[in-house]
């Protein structure tokens, strides 16, 4: 079987082929493609700094030589640092975004979770710098960060999300966002991009939240009468806890106020989670809206995919 790394390098070549080389080309000992490919591979393998990247490459020099030219051998950590410092940051980010989205498409990523998190320990009190807050688009199926936008704090996520959406090729994808992003304008942008949405609802949309609570209170009284596609249940045991989830997805009720304001709204959802750890049980209820037809299993995939992303992006610096 062919080494898939050959395909990876070809993907890097196609996505970065017209990236301007910031060096004096005639004096270059190393090819730009080699430097880019090694750096990306090293970071994907856990490298944190330029020395890590050099060590990664030195210990795998024979393997790398199978698909890279390496005319000057393995670049030093100073070379990696110098080359990347010469790139114009926003320009390089555009090319990197092109590559990550191509990779997501090639690996079948159709569920995109957008989530905001503050990076722990990223503040610098003496320098007067607040913690870094990032809004991230994440391909749930293949665990790939597609794009990020930095904002001052969580309250700015509403303005950052549309900016992030414009960076992505969303056609045919399903976008999941937590309650902060449950905004009519964001829904319209997602649909303009020919994508689907599954958005969490909390009391920042008070009428919508109240109506969903009342609707599913009625639904749960007669849940046994729901069609099979509208209810789904899972049970998981692991990490010292037992977790049972109940998913409900129904048509939009007539009692939902301002239902026409949410573009193409086709279903509403409810997820009830019961978690038992060390003999104590904790319950949680979440509500959702979507432009897709009622389907509880599909709601489960979207909700679980987003919760995994939300946990995964609790980064430490």
C-alpha atoms as a PDB file:
ATOM      1  CA  UNK A   1       0.000   0.000   0.000  1.00  0.00           C
ATOM      2  CA  UNK A   2       1.286   3.449  -0.868  1.00  0.00           C
ATOM      3  CA  UNK A   3       2.353   5.663   1.994  1.00  0.00           C
ATOM      4  CA  UNK A   4      -0.517   8.210   2.420  1.00  0.00           C
ATOM      5  CA  UNK A   5       2.120  10.836   3.189  1.00  0.00           C
ATOM      6  CA  UNK A   6       2.756  11.135  -0.568  1.00  0.00           C
ATOM      7  CA  UNK A   7      -0.854  12.284  -0.938  1.00  0.00           C
ATOM      8  CA  UNK A   8      -0.395  14.663   1.981  1.00  0.00           C
ATOM      9  CA  UNK A   9       2.640  16.281   0.356  1.00  0.00           C
ATOM     10  CA  UNK A  10       0.812  16.583  -2.948  1.00  0.00           C
ATOM     11  CA  UNK A  11      -2.059  18.290  -1.113  1.00  0.00           C
ATOM     12  CA  UNK A  12       0.369  20.759   0.473  1.00  0.00           C
ATOM     13  CA  UNK A  13       1.930  21.348  -2.952  1.00  0.00           C
ATOM     14  CA  UNK A  14      -1.439  22.109  -4.575  1.00  0.00           C
ATOM     15  CA  UNK A  15      -2.689  24.405  -1.797  1.00  0.00           C
ATOM     16  CA  UNK A  16       0.565  26.333  -1.300  1.00  0.00           C
ATOM     17  CA  UNK A  17       1.890  26.304  -4.869  1.00  0.00           C
ATOM     18  CA  UNK A  18       1.462  30.051  -5.395  1.00  0.00           C
ATOM     19  CA  UNK A  19       2.461  31.169  -1.888  1.00  0.00           C
ATOM     20  CA  UNK A  20       5.185  33.811  -2.439  1.00  0.00           C
ATOM     21  CA  UNK A  21       8.572  32.680  -1.148  1.00  0.00           C
ATOM     22  CA  UNK A  22       9.726  35.458   1.216  1.00  0.00           C
ATOM     23  CA  UNK A  23      13.414  34.488   0.904  1.00  0.00           C
ATOM     24  CA  UNK A  24      16.123  35.495  -1.548  1.00  0.00           C
ATOM     25  CA  UNK A  25      15.506  32.450  -3.738  1.00  0.00           C
ATOM     26  CA  UNK A  26      18.961  32.112  -5.319  1.00  0.00           C
ATOM     27  CA  UNK A  27      20.510  31.843  -1.864  1.00  0.00           C
ATOM     28  CA  UNK A  28      18.133  29.191  -0.539  1.00  0.00           C
ATOM     29  CA  UNK A  29      19.533  25.866   0.549  1.00  0.00           C
ATOM     30  CA  UNK A  30      16.113  24.327   1.292  1.00  0.00           C
ATOM     31  CA  UNK A  31      12.936  24.168  -0.792  1.00  0.00           C
ATOM     32  CA  UNK A  32       9.916  25.995   0.582  1.00  0.00           C
ATOM     33  CA  UNK A  33       7.656  22.954   0.077  1.00  0.00           C
ATOM     34  CA  UNK A  34      10.014  20.830   2.193  1.00  0.00           C
ATOM     35  CA  UNK A  35       9.965  23.369   5.008  1.00  0.00           C
ATOM     36  CA  UNK A  36       6.165  23.671   4.936  1.00  0.00           C
ATOM     37  CA  UNK A  37       5.516  19.927   4.756  1.00  0.00           C
ATOM     38  CA  UNK A  38       7.935  19.097   7.586  1.00  0.00           C
ATOM     39  CA  UNK A  39       6.538  21.847   9.817  1.00  0.00           C
ATOM     40  CA  UNK A  40       2.922  20.782   9.281  1.00  0.00           C
ATOM     41  CA  UNK A  41       3.718  17.108   9.845  1.00  0.00           C
ATOM     42  CA  UNK A  42       5.673  17.928  13.001  1.00  0.00           C
ATOM     43  CA  UNK A  43       2.930  20.109  14.485  1.00  0.00           C
ATOM     44  CA  UNK A  44       0.318  17.441  13.705  1.00  0.00           C
ATOM     45  CA  UNK A  45       2.571  15.013  15.589  1.00  0.00           C
ATOM     46  CA  UNK A  46       2.715  17.259  18.667  1.00  0.00           C
ATOM     47  CA  UNK A  47       5.701  19.555  18.065  1.00  0.00           C
ATOM     48  CA  UNK A  48       5.447  22.754  20.124  1.00  0.00           C
ATOM     49  CA  UNK A  49       8.426  24.816  18.967  1.00  0.00           C
ATOM     50  CA  UNK A  50      11.093  25.129  16.271  1.00  0.00           C
ATOM     51  CA  UNK A  51      13.501  22.771  18.054  1.00  0.00           C
ATOM     52  CA  UNK A  52      10.771  20.126  18.279  1.00  0.00           C
ATOM     53  CA  UNK A  53      10.227  20.440  14.519  1.00  0.00           C
ATOM     54  CA  UNK A  54      13.922  19.939  13.808  1.00  0.00           C
ATOM     55  CA  UNK A  55      14.121  16.921  16.141  1.00  0.00           C
ATOM     56  CA  UNK A  56      11.013  15.440  14.508  1.00  0.00           C
ATOM     57  CA  UNK A  57      12.630  15.768  11.064  1.00  0.00           C
ATOM     58  CA  UNK A  58      16.091  14.540  12.077  1.00  0.00           C
ATOM     59  CA  UNK A  59      14.689  11.368  13.633  1.00  0.00           C
ATOM     60  CA  UNK A  60      12.651  10.663  10.484  1.00  0.00           C
ATOM     61  CA  UNK A  61      15.094  11.860   7.835  1.00  0.00           C
ATOM     62  CA  UNK A  62      15.115   8.593   5.854  1.00  0.00           C
ATOM     63  CA  UNK A  63      11.327   8.466   5.780  1.00  0.00           C
ATOM     64  CA  UNK A  64      10.987  12.131   4.769  1.00  0.00           C
ATOM     65  CA  UNK A  65      13.504  11.633   1.953  1.00  0.00           C
ATOM     66  CA  UNK A  66      11.048   9.221   0.295  1.00  0.00           C
ATOM     67  CA  UNK A  67       8.676  12.030  -0.700  1.00  0.00           C
ATOM     68  CA  UNK A  68      10.590  15.302  -0.185  1.00  0.00           C
ATOM     69  CA  UNK A  69      13.635  16.438  -2.166  1.00  0.00           C
ATOM     70  CA  UNK A  70      15.655  17.805   0.786  1.00  0.00           C
ATOM     71  CA  UNK A  71      18.572  19.122  -1.336  1.00  0.00           C
ATOM     72  CA  UNK A  72      20.176  20.695   1.742  1.00  0.00           C
ATOM     73  CA  UNK A  73      19.260  17.914   4.155  1.00  0.00           C
ATOM     74  CA  UNK A  74      17.067  18.613   7.172  1.00  0.00           C
ATOM     75  CA  UNK A  75      16.626  22.356   7.877  1.00  0.00           C
ATOM     76  CA  UNK A  76      17.754  23.607  11.286  1.00  0.00           C
ATOM     77  CA  UNK A  77      15.366  25.006  13.851  1.00  0.00           C
ATOM     78  CA  UNK A  78      16.750  28.475  13.081  1.00  0.00           C
ATOM     79  CA  UNK A  79      15.793  27.999   9.432  1.00  0.00           C
ATOM     80  CA  UNK A  80      12.213  27.052  10.323  1.00  0.00           C
ATOM     81  CA  UNK A  81      11.953  30.037  12.657  1.00  0.00           C
ATOM     82  CA  UNK A  82      13.434  32.467  10.139  1.00  0.00           C
ATOM     83  CA  UNK A  83      11.272  31.336   7.194  1.00  0.00           C
ATOM     84  CA  UNK A  84       7.995  31.413   9.106  1.00  0.00           C
ATOM     85  CA  UNK A  85       8.827  34.807  10.621  1.00  0.00           C
ATOM     86  CA  UNK A  86       9.173  36.203   7.074  1.00  0.00           C
ATOM     87  CA  UNK A  87       5.641  35.239   6.030  1.00  0.00           C
ATOM     88  CA  UNK A  88       2.966  37.922   6.141  1.00  0.00           C
ATOM     89  CA  UNK A  89       0.688  36.430   8.788  1.00  0.00           C
ATOM     90  CA  UNK A  90      -2.726  37.035   7.223  1.00  0.00           C
ATOM     91  CA  UNK A  91      -1.525  35.929   3.796  1.00  0.00           C
ATOM     92  CA  UNK A  92      -0.129  32.672   5.177  1.00  0.00           C
ATOM     93  CA  UNK A  93      -3.351  32.097   7.145  1.00  0.00           C
ATOM     94  CA  UNK A  94      -5.331  32.208   3.886  1.00  0.00           C
ATOM     95  CA  UNK A  95      -3.179  29.449   2.375  1.00  0.00           C
ATOM     96  CA  UNK A  96      -3.319  27.365   5.543  1.00  0.00           C
ATOM     97  CA  UNK A  97      -7.101  27.711   5.574  1.00  0.00           C
ATOM     98  CA  UNK A  98      -7.191  26.555   1.943  1.00  0.00           C
ATOM     99  CA  UNK A  99      -5.270  23.427   2.944  1.00  0.00           C
ATOM    100  CA  UNK A 100      -7.321  22.593   6.071  1.00  0.00           C
ATOM    101  CA  UNK A 101     -10.590  22.900   4.168  1.00  0.00           C
ATOM    102  CA  UNK A 102      -9.282  20.721   1.338  1.00  0.00           C
ATOM    103  CA  UNK A 103      -8.230  18.147   3.928  1.00  0.00           C
ATOM    104  CA  UNK A 104     -11.651  18.275   5.605  1.00  0.00           C
ATOM    105  CA  UNK A 105     -13.378  17.772   2.245  1.00  0.00           C
ATOM    106  CA  UNK A 106     -11.079  14.866   1.330  1.00  0.00           C
ATOM    107  CA  UNK A 107     -11.782  13.085   4.630  1.00  0.00           C
ATOM    108  CA  UNK A 108     -15.548  13.550   4.497  1.00  0.00           C
ATOM    109  CA  UNK A 109     -16.015  16.227   7.158  1.00  0.00           C
ATOM    110  CA  UNK A 110     -19.624  17.448   6.885  1.00  0.00           C
ATOM    111  CA  UNK A 111     -20.322  18.503  10.488  1.00  0.00           C
ATOM    112  CA  UNK A 112     -18.749  21.831  11.461  1.00  0.00           C
ATOM    113  CA  UNK A 113     -18.881  22.948  15.091  1.00  0.00           C
ATOM    114  CA  UNK A 114     -18.269  26.594  15.956  1.00  0.00           C
ATOM    115  CA  UNK A 115     -17.244  27.205  19.540  1.00  0.00           C
ATOM    116  CA  UNK A 116     -15.613  29.965  21.547  1.00  0.00           C
ATOM    117  CA  UNK A 117     -13.101  29.386  24.331  1.00  0.00           C
ATOM    118  CA  UNK A 118     -10.737  31.457  26.425  1.00  0.00           C
ATOM    119  CA  UNK A 119      -7.226  30.002  26.445  1.00  0.00           C
ATOM    120  CA  UNK A 120      -6.219  29.381  30.020  1.00  0.00           C
ATOM    121  CA  UNK A 121      -3.100  31.100  31.303  1.00  0.00           C
ATOM    122  CA  UNK A 122      -2.868  33.188  28.134  1.00  0.00           C
ATOM    123  CA  UNK A 123      -3.254  36.499  29.998  1.00  0.00           C
ATOM    124  CA  UNK A 124      -0.247  38.644  30.882  1.00  0.00           C
ATOM    125  CA  UNK A 125      -1.241  40.813  33.844  1.00  0.00           C
ATOM    126  CA  UNK A 126       2.006  42.784  34.016  1.00  0.00           C
ATOM    127  CA  UNK A 127       1.821  43.584  30.318  1.00  0.00           C
ATOM    128  CA  UNK A 128      -1.841  44.561  30.598  1.00  0.00           C
ATOM    129  CA  UNK A 129      -2.927  41.789  28.221  1.00  0.00           C
ATOM    130  CA  UNK A 130      -6.219  39.986  28.764  1.00  0.00           C
ATOM    131  CA  UNK A 131      -6.674  36.264  28.122  1.00  0.00           C
ATOM    132  CA  UNK A 132      -6.923  35.264  24.469  1.00  0.00           C
ATOM    133  CA  UNK A 133     -10.458  34.288  23.429  1.00  0.00           C
ATOM    134  CA  UNK A 134     -10.781  32.317  20.184  1.00  0.00           C
ATOM    135  CA  UNK A 135     -13.820  31.405  18.130  1.00  0.00           C
ATOM    136  CA  UNK A 136     -12.982  28.196  16.291  1.00  0.00           C
ATOM    137  CA  UNK A 137     -14.552  26.268  13.419  1.00  0.00           C
ATOM    138  CA  UNK A 138     -13.907  22.576  13.947  1.00  0.00           C
ATOM    139  CA  UNK A 139     -14.575  19.619  11.637  1.00  0.00           C
ATOM    140  CA  UNK A 140     -16.188  17.206  14.079  1.00  0.00           C
ATOM    141  CA  UNK A 141     -15.769  13.961  12.128  1.00  0.00           C
ATOM    142  CA  UNK A 142     -12.035  14.239  11.552  1.00  0.00           C
ATOM    143  CA  UNK A 143     -10.956  16.410  14.495  1.00  0.00           C
ATOM    144  CA  UNK A 144      -9.566  19.198  12.333  1.00  0.00           C
ATOM    145  CA  UNK A 145      -9.483  22.901  13.162  1.00  0.00           C
ATOM    146  CA  UNK A 146     -10.608  24.730  10.023  1.00  0.00           C
ATOM    147  CA  UNK A 147     -10.295  28.366  11.051  1.00  0.00           C
ATOM    148  CA  UNK A 148     -10.065  30.664  14.077  1.00  0.00           C
ATOM    149  CA  UNK A 149     -10.876  34.277  14.868  1.00  0.00           C
ATOM    150  CA  UNK A 150      -9.568  36.028  17.992  1.00  0.00           C
ATOM    151  CA  UNK A 151     -11.946  38.305  19.936  1.00  0.00           C
ATOM    152  CA  UNK A 152     -11.623  40.399  23.074  1.00  0.00           C
ATOM    153  CA  UNK A 153     -14.067  38.357  25.167  1.00  0.00           C
ATOM    154  CA  UNK A 154     -17.041  36.012  24.961  1.00  0.00           C
ATOM    155  CA  UNK A 155     -19.501  38.853  24.352  1.00  0.00           C
ATOM    156  CA  UNK A 156     -17.803  39.525  20.997  1.00  0.00           C
ATOM    157  CA  UNK A 157     -18.506  36.028  19.664  1.00  0.00           C
ATOM    158  CA  UNK A 158     -21.711  37.258  18.007  1.00  0.00           C
ATOM    159  CA  UNK A 159     -19.717  39.561  15.722  1.00  0.00           C
ATOM    160  CA  UNK A 160     -16.873  37.067  15.215  1.00  0.00           C
ATOM    161  CA  UNK A 161     -19.042  34.154  14.069  1.00  0.00           C
ATOM    162  CA  UNK A 162     -20.210  35.812  10.802  1.00  0.00           C
ATOM    163  CA  UNK A 163     -16.589  36.732  10.080  1.00  0.00           C
ATOM    164  CA  UNK A 164     -15.593  33.101  10.627  1.00  0.00           C
ATOM    165  CA  UNK A 165     -18.428  31.794   8.440  1.00  0.00           C
ATOM    166  CA  UNK A 166     -17.194  33.919   5.525  1.00  0.00           C
ATOM    167  CA  UNK A 167     -13.842  32.104   5.641  1.00  0.00           C
ATOM    168  CA  UNK A 168     -15.382  28.659   5.204  1.00  0.00           C
ATOM    169  CA  UNK A 169     -16.783  26.660   2.300  1.00  0.00           C
ATOM    170  CA  UNK A 170     -20.008  25.482   3.957  1.00  0.00           C
ATOM    171  CA  UNK A 171     -22.102  24.150   1.081  1.00  0.00           C
ATOM    172  CA  UNK A 172     -23.731  20.864   2.102  1.00  0.00           C
ATOM    173  CA  UNK A 173     -22.330  20.972   5.648  1.00  0.00           C
ATOM    174  CA  UNK A 174     -24.223  21.149   8.935  1.00  0.00           C
ATOM    175  CA  UNK A 175     -23.091  23.955  11.246  1.00  0.00           C
ATOM    176  CA  UNK A 176     -23.554  23.595  15.009  1.00  0.00           C
ATOM    177  CA  UNK A 177     -23.190  26.575  17.356  1.00  0.00           C
ATOM    178  CA  UNK A 178     -23.884  27.027  21.049  1.00  0.00           C
ATOM    179  CA  UNK A 179     -26.544  29.427  22.334  1.00  0.00           C
ATOM    180  CA  UNK A 180     -24.400  32.547  21.887  1.00  0.00           C
ATOM    181  CA  UNK A 181     -24.621  32.045  18.124  1.00  0.00           C
ATOM    182  CA  UNK A 182     -28.373  31.483  18.064  1.00  0.00           C
ATOM    183  CA  UNK A 183     -29.102  34.659  16.110  1.00  0.00           C
ATOM    184  CA  UNK A 184     -31.434  35.207  13.159  1.00  0.00           C
ATOM    185  CA  UNK A 185     -28.690  36.937  11.151  1.00  0.00           C
ATOM    186  CA  UNK A 186     -26.308  34.004  11.658  1.00  0.00           C
ATOM    187  CA  UNK A 187     -29.003  31.555  10.569  1.00  0.00           C
ATOM    188  CA  UNK A 188     -29.503  33.600   7.394  1.00  0.00           C
ATOM    189  CA  UNK A 189     -25.756  33.570   6.621  1.00  0.00           C
ATOM    190  CA  UNK A 190     -25.586  29.794   7.047  1.00  0.00           C
ATOM    191  CA  UNK A 191     -28.502  29.268   4.686  1.00  0.00           C
ATOM    192  CA  UNK A 192     -27.063  31.770   2.176  1.00  0.00           C
ATOM    193  CA  UNK A 193     -23.994  29.516   2.110  1.00  0.00           C
ATOM    194  CA  UNK A 194     -26.280  26.537   1.264  1.00  0.00           C
ATOM    195  CA  UNK A 195     -25.485  24.876   4.581  1.00  0.00           C
ATOM    196  CA  UNK A 196     -27.702  23.491   7.365  1.00  0.00           C
ATOM    197  CA  UNK A 197     -27.827  24.553  11.004  1.00  0.00           C
ATOM    198  CA  UNK A 198     -28.366  22.991  14.424  1.00  0.00           C
ATOM    199  CA  UNK A 199     -28.262  25.749  17.028  1.00  0.00           C
ATOM    200  CA  UNK A 200     -28.529  25.468  20.803  1.00  0.00           C
ATOM    201  CA  UNK A 201     -31.173  27.649  22.450  1.00  0.00           C
ATOM    202  CA  UNK A 202     -30.961  29.222  25.901  1.00  0.00           C
ATOM    203  CA  UNK A 203     -32.540  32.219  27.598  1.00  0.00           C
ATOM    204  CA  UNK A 204     -30.617  34.740  25.485  1.00  0.00           C
ATOM    205  CA  UNK A 205     -33.592  34.073  23.159  1.00  0.00           C
ATOM    206  CA  UNK A 206     -36.245  34.176  25.922  1.00  0.00           C
ATOM    207  CA  UNK A 207     -39.421  33.718  23.842  1.00  0.00           C
ATOM    208  CA  UNK A 208     -37.920  30.910  21.803  1.00  0.00           C
ATOM    209  CA  UNK A 209     -36.538  29.209  24.916  1.00  0.00           C
ATOM    210  CA  UNK A 210     -39.849  29.474  26.796  1.00  0.00           C
ATOM    211  CA  UNK A 211     -41.829  28.109  23.859  1.00  0.00           C
ATOM    212  CA  UNK A 212     -39.477  25.134  23.431  1.00  0.00           C
ATOM    213  CA  UNK A 213     -39.715  24.280  27.136  1.00  0.00           C
ATOM    214  CA  UNK A 214     -43.519  24.321  26.979  1.00  0.00           C
ATOM    215  CA  UNK A 215     -43.584  22.333  23.722  1.00  0.00           C
ATOM    216  CA  UNK A 216     -41.340  19.525  24.953  1.00  0.00           C
ATOM    217  CA  UNK A 217     -43.107  19.373  28.306  1.00  0.00           C
ATOM    218  CA  UNK A 218     -46.190  18.434  26.302  1.00  0.00           C
ATOM    219  CA  UNK A 219     -44.231  16.076  24.035  1.00  0.00           C
ATOM    220  CA  UNK A 220     -42.742  14.152  26.968  1.00  0.00           C
ATOM    221  CA  UNK A 221     -46.200  13.482  28.371  1.00  0.00           C
ATOM    222  CA  UNK A 222     -46.978  11.388  25.274  1.00  0.00           C
ATOM    223  CA  UNK A 223     -43.470  10.473  24.093  1.00  0.00           C
ATOM    224  CA  UNK A 224     -44.481   6.874  23.418  1.00  0.00           C
ATOM    225  CA  UNK A 225     -46.690   8.130  20.584  1.00  0.00           C
ATOM    226  CA  UNK A 226     -43.820   9.856  18.778  1.00  0.00           C
ATOM    227  CA  UNK A 227     -42.795   8.321  15.423  1.00  0.00           C
ATOM    228  CA  UNK A 228     -39.564   6.308  15.690  1.00  0.00           C
ATOM    229  CA  UNK A 229     -37.408   8.848  13.763  1.00  0.00           C
ATOM    230  CA  UNK A 230     -38.340  11.531  16.292  1.00  0.00           C
ATOM    231  CA  UNK A 231     -36.855   9.824  19.365  1.00  0.00           C
ATOM    232  CA  UNK A 232     -33.524   8.223  20.078  1.00  0.00           C
ATOM    233  CA  UNK A 233     -31.735   6.969  23.190  1.00  0.00           C
ATOM    234  CA  UNK A 234     -28.086   6.176  24.012  1.00  0.00           C
ATOM    235  CA  UNK A 235     -26.335   4.716  27.030  1.00  0.00           C
ATOM    236  CA  UNK A 236     -22.610   4.950  27.738  1.00  0.00           C
ATOM    237  CA  UNK A 237     -20.382   3.704  30.540  1.00  0.00           C
ATOM    238  CA  UNK A 238     -16.798   4.863  31.007  1.00  0.00           C
ATOM    239  CA  UNK A 239     -14.387   7.028  32.968  1.00  0.00           C
ATOM    240  CA  UNK A 240     -16.188   6.207  36.196  1.00  0.00           C
ATOM    241  CA  UNK A 241     -19.594   7.398  35.071  1.00  0.00           C
ATOM    242  CA  UNK A 242     -22.802   6.208  33.447  1.00  0.00           C
ATOM    243  CA  UNK A 243     -24.520   8.506  30.980  1.00  0.00           C
ATOM    244  CA  UNK A 244     -27.931   8.115  29.410  1.00  0.00           C
ATOM    245  CA  UNK A 245     -29.190  10.515  26.761  1.00  0.00           C
ATOM    246  CA  UNK A 246     -32.671  10.960  25.336  1.00  0.00           C
ATOM    247  CA  UNK A 247     -33.030  12.824  22.033  1.00  0.00           C
ATOM    248  CA  UNK A 248     -36.289  14.231  20.680  1.00  0.00           C
ATOM    249  CA  UNK A 249     -36.743  15.969  17.326  1.00  0.00           C
ATOM    250  CA  UNK A 250     -40.177  17.165  16.217  1.00  0.00           C
ATOM    251  CA  UNK A 251     -41.772  19.449  13.646  1.00  0.00           C
ATOM    252  CA  UNK A 252     -41.944  23.115  14.610  1.00  0.00           C
ATOM    253  CA  UNK A 253     -45.025  23.651  16.831  1.00  0.00           C
ATOM    254  CA  UNK A 254     -47.635  26.204  15.798  1.00  0.00           C
ATOM    255  CA  UNK A 255     -47.287  27.780  19.248  1.00  0.00           C
ATOM    256  CA  UNK A 256     -43.680  28.868  18.558  1.00  0.00           C
ATOM    257  CA  UNK A 257     -43.618  32.661  18.476  1.00  0.00           C
ATOM    258  CA  UNK A 258     -41.875  34.398  15.565  1.00  0.00           C
ATOM    259  CA  UNK A 259     -41.192  31.037  13.922  1.00  0.00           C
ATOM    260  CA  UNK A 260     -40.984  32.656  10.475  1.00  0.00           C
ATOM    261  CA  UNK A 261     -38.122  34.893  11.640  1.00  0.00           C
ATOM    262  CA  UNK A 262     -35.820  31.853  11.770  1.00  0.00           C
ATOM    263  CA  UNK A 263     -35.030  31.140   8.149  1.00  0.00           C
ATOM    264  CA  UNK A 264     -36.147  27.724   6.855  1.00  0.00           C
ATOM    265  CA  UNK A 265     -36.834  26.485  10.384  1.00  0.00           C
ATOM    266  CA  UNK A 266     -38.067  22.888  10.020  1.00  0.00           C
ATOM    267  CA  UNK A 267     -37.571  21.134  13.369  1.00  0.00           C
ATOM    268  CA  UNK A 268     -36.964  21.683  17.069  1.00  0.00           C
ATOM    269  CA  UNK A 269     -35.014  19.404  19.380  1.00  0.00           C
ATOM    270  CA  UNK A 270     -34.544  18.471  23.005  1.00  0.00           C
ATOM    271  CA  UNK A 271     -31.705  16.487  24.587  1.00  0.00           C
ATOM    272  CA  UNK A 272     -32.022  15.159  28.128  1.00  0.00           C
ATOM    273  CA  UNK A 273     -28.832  13.873  29.732  1.00  0.00           C
ATOM    274  CA  UNK A 274     -28.704  11.872  32.977  1.00  0.00           C
ATOM    275  CA  UNK A 275     -25.179  11.341  34.332  1.00  0.00           C
ATOM    276  CA  UNK A 276     -24.338   9.138  37.306  1.00  0.00           C
ATOM    277  CA  UNK A 277     -20.933   9.379  39.005  1.00  0.00           C
ATOM    278  CA  UNK A 278     -20.025   7.980  42.420  1.00  0.00           C
ATOM    279  CA  UNK A 279     -23.680   7.335  43.187  1.00  0.00           C
ATOM    280  CA  UNK A 280     -24.776  10.901  42.397  1.00  0.00           C
ATOM    281  CA  UNK A 281     -26.995  11.669  39.423  1.00  0.00           C
ATOM    282  CA  UNK A 282     -27.025  14.985  37.578  1.00  0.00           C
ATOM    283  CA  UNK A 283     -29.527  15.908  34.889  1.00  0.00           C
ATOM    284  CA  UNK A 284     -29.337  18.428  32.072  1.00  0.00           C
ATOM    285  CA  UNK A 285     -31.774  19.546  29.377  1.00  0.00           C
ATOM    286  CA  UNK A 286     -30.801  21.325  26.155  1.00  0.00           C
ATOM    287  CA  UNK A 287     -32.951  22.689  23.353  1.00  0.00           C
ATOM    288  CA  UNK A 288     -32.175  23.137  19.644  1.00  0.00           C
ATOM    289  CA  UNK A 289     -33.561  24.532  16.394  1.00  0.00           C
ATOM    290  CA  UNK A 290     -32.694  23.288  12.893  1.00  0.00           C
ATOM    291  CA  UNK A 291     -33.595  23.750   9.239  1.00  0.00           C
ATOM    292  CA  UNK A 292     -33.501  19.957   8.745  1.00  0.00           C
ATOM    293  CA  UNK A 293     -36.515  17.671   8.957  1.00  0.00           C
ATOM    294  CA  UNK A 294     -37.146  15.996  12.335  1.00  0.00           C
ATOM    295  CA  UNK A 295     -34.623  13.221  12.939  1.00  0.00           C
ATOM    296  CA  UNK A 296     -33.485  12.378  16.482  1.00  0.00           C
ATOM    297  CA  UNK A 297     -30.439  10.344  15.423  1.00  0.00           C
ATOM    298  CA  UNK A 298     -29.191  13.222  13.298  1.00  0.00           C
ATOM    299  CA  UNK A 299     -29.755  15.584  16.238  1.00  0.00           C
ATOM    300  CA  UNK A 300     -27.727  13.193  18.410  1.00  0.00           C
ATOM    301  CA  UNK A 301     -24.832  13.238  15.948  1.00  0.00           C
ATOM    302  CA  UNK A 302     -24.806  17.034  15.839  1.00  0.00           C
ATOM    303  CA  UNK A 303     -25.186  17.549  19.590  1.00  0.00           C
ATOM    304  CA  UNK A 304     -22.575  14.950  20.519  1.00  0.00           C
ATOM    305  CA  UNK A 305     -20.171  16.196  17.876  1.00  0.00           C
ATOM    306  CA  UNK A 306     -20.411  19.706  19.249  1.00  0.00           C
ATOM    307  CA  UNK A 307     -19.974  18.641  22.891  1.00  0.00           C
ATOM    308  CA  UNK A 308     -16.822  16.685  22.006  1.00  0.00           C
ATOM    309  CA  UNK A 309     -15.424  19.748  20.246  1.00  0.00           C
ATOM    310  CA  UNK A 310     -16.315  21.992  23.169  1.00  0.00           C
ATOM    311  CA  UNK A 311     -14.386  19.684  25.491  1.00  0.00           C
ATOM    312  CA  UNK A 312     -11.475  19.278  23.078  1.00  0.00           C
ATOM    313  CA  UNK A 313     -10.977  23.017  22.695  1.00  0.00           C
ATOM    314  CA  UNK A 314     -10.434  23.655  26.412  1.00  0.00           C
ATOM    315  CA  UNK A 315      -6.778  24.311  25.609  1.00  0.00           C
ATOM    316  CA  UNK A 316      -4.007  25.058  28.072  1.00  0.00           C
ATOM    317  CA  UNK A 317      -1.126  27.345  27.212  1.00  0.00           C
END
